[in-house]
Amino acid sequence: FMMRYHVFISGLVIGVYFRGFVKNKADKLNIKGWVRNTKDGRVEAVFEGEESNLDRVIEYCGRGPWTAQVENVDIIAEQYTGKFKDFSIIR
């Protein structure tokens, strides 16, 4: 079952290789979409893929790389689009 999640991760998540960590996990789980830093200090991501794989990448977002301190993960379920070819880091 294909799903789409729009996710906002807050805490100590900027400057700690969070986007690279998320991309690595997304690529391994065959998830498409993007990740970026926001102006207010959070990390924002859109994930599309199999529901079970999305659940796993959300778990990884809740932990982050060892350098991060995740305080909160907000998840918004959205309509699946299938428009992404891969997973990218937006700079």
Protein backbone atom coordinates (compact mmCIF):
# COMPACT_ATOMS: atom_id res chain seq x y z
CA PHE A 1 0.00 0.00 0.00
CA MET A 2 1.64 3.23 -1.17
CA MET A 3 1.53 6.20 1.18
CA ARG A 4 2.86 9.75 1.52
CA TYR A 5 3.99 11.38 4.77
CA HIS A 6 4.97 15.02 5.25
CA VAL A 7 7.22 15.15 8.30
CA PHE A 8 8.70 17.87 10.51
CA ILE A 9 11.51 16.91 12.91
CA SER A 10 12.48 19.29 15.72
CA GLY A 11 15.28 19.36 18.27
CA LEU A 12 19.02 19.51 17.64
CA VAL A 13 18.70 18.46 13.99
CA ILE A 14 20.60 21.13 12.01
CA GLY A 15 24.33 20.77 11.42
CA VAL A 16 24.42 17.16 12.62
CA TYR A 17 24.27 15.32 9.25
CA PHE A 18 20.52 14.74 9.68
CA ARG A 19 19.59 15.21 6.01
CA GLY A 20 22.33 12.82 4.86
CA PHE A 21 21.23 10.29 7.48
CA VAL A 22 17.61 10.50 6.28
CA LYS A 23 18.62 10.18 2.60
CA ASN A 24 20.73 7.10 3.36
CA LYS A 25 17.81 5.39 5.16
CA ALA A 26 15.28 6.43 2.49
CA ASP A 27 17.48 5.08 -0.32
CA LYS A 28 17.91 1.73 1.48
CA LEU A 29 14.11 1.49 1.98
CA ASN A 30 13.26 2.49 -1.63
CA ILE A 31 11.47 5.63 -0.45
CA LYS A 32 11.10 8.60 -2.79
CA GLY A 33 10.78 12.29 -1.90
CA TRP A 34 13.02 14.96 -0.36
CA VAL A 35 14.46 16.38 2.86
CA ARG A 36 15.53 19.93 3.76
CA ASN A 37 16.33 22.24 6.64
CA THR A 38 13.73 24.88 7.49
CA LYS A 39 14.37 28.49 8.46
CA ASP A 40 12.99 27.82 11.96
CA GLY A 41 15.59 25.13 12.74
CA ARG A 42 13.62 21.99 11.95
CA VAL A 43 14.12 19.34 9.29
CA GLU A 44 11.23 18.85 6.85
CA ALA A 45 10.76 15.80 4.65
CA VAL A 46 8.25 14.29 2.24
CA PHE A 47 8.34 10.51 1.98
CA GLU A 48 6.50 8.34 -0.54
CA GLY A 49 6.61 4.56 -0.61
CA GLU A 50 5.31 1.33 0.89
CA GLU A 51 3.59 1.93 4.22
CA SER A 52 5.83 -0.52 6.12
CA ASN A 53 8.98 1.19 4.79
CA LEU A 54 7.59 4.63 5.67
CA ASP A 55 6.98 3.44 9.23
CA ARG A 56 10.63 2.36 9.41
CA VAL A 57 12.01 5.66 8.08
CA ILE A 58 9.81 7.55 10.58
CA GLU A 59 11.38 5.44 13.36
CA TYR A 60 14.84 6.45 12.08
CA CYS A 61 13.75 10.11 12.06
CA GLY A 62 12.75 9.76 15.70
CA ARG A 63 16.26 8.62 16.59
CA GLY A 64 18.37 10.52 14.06
CA PRO A 65 22.12 10.15 13.74
CA TRP A 66 24.05 9.87 17.03
CA THR A 67 24.95 13.58 16.76
CA ALA A 68 21.28 14.67 16.84
CA GLN A 69 18.83 15.16 19.70
CA VAL A 70 15.32 14.69 18.32
CA GLU A 71 12.58 16.25 20.44
CA ASN A 72 9.53 15.78 18.23
CA VAL A 73 8.40 14.24 14.93
CA ASP A 74 5.18 15.64 13.46
CA ILE A 75 3.66 13.42 10.77
CA ILE A 76 0.98 14.52 8.31
CA ALA A 77 -0.49 11.84 6.04
CA GLU A 78 -1.09 13.21 2.55
CA GLN A 79 -2.37 11.90 -0.77
CA TYR A 80 0.20 9.68 -2.53
CA THR A 81 1.33 11.24 -5.84
CA GLY A 82 4.06 8.95 -7.23
CA LYS A 83 5.75 12.01 -8.76
CA PHE A 84 9.24 11.49 -7.29
CA LYS A 85 11.94 9.57 -9.16
CA ASP A 86 14.32 9.32 -6.20
CA PHE A 87 15.06 10.80 -2.78
CA SER A 88 16.92 14.10 -2.73
CA ILE A 89 18.40 16.58 -0.30
CA ILE A 90 17.17 20.12 -0.96
CA ARG A 91 19.83 22.68 -0.04
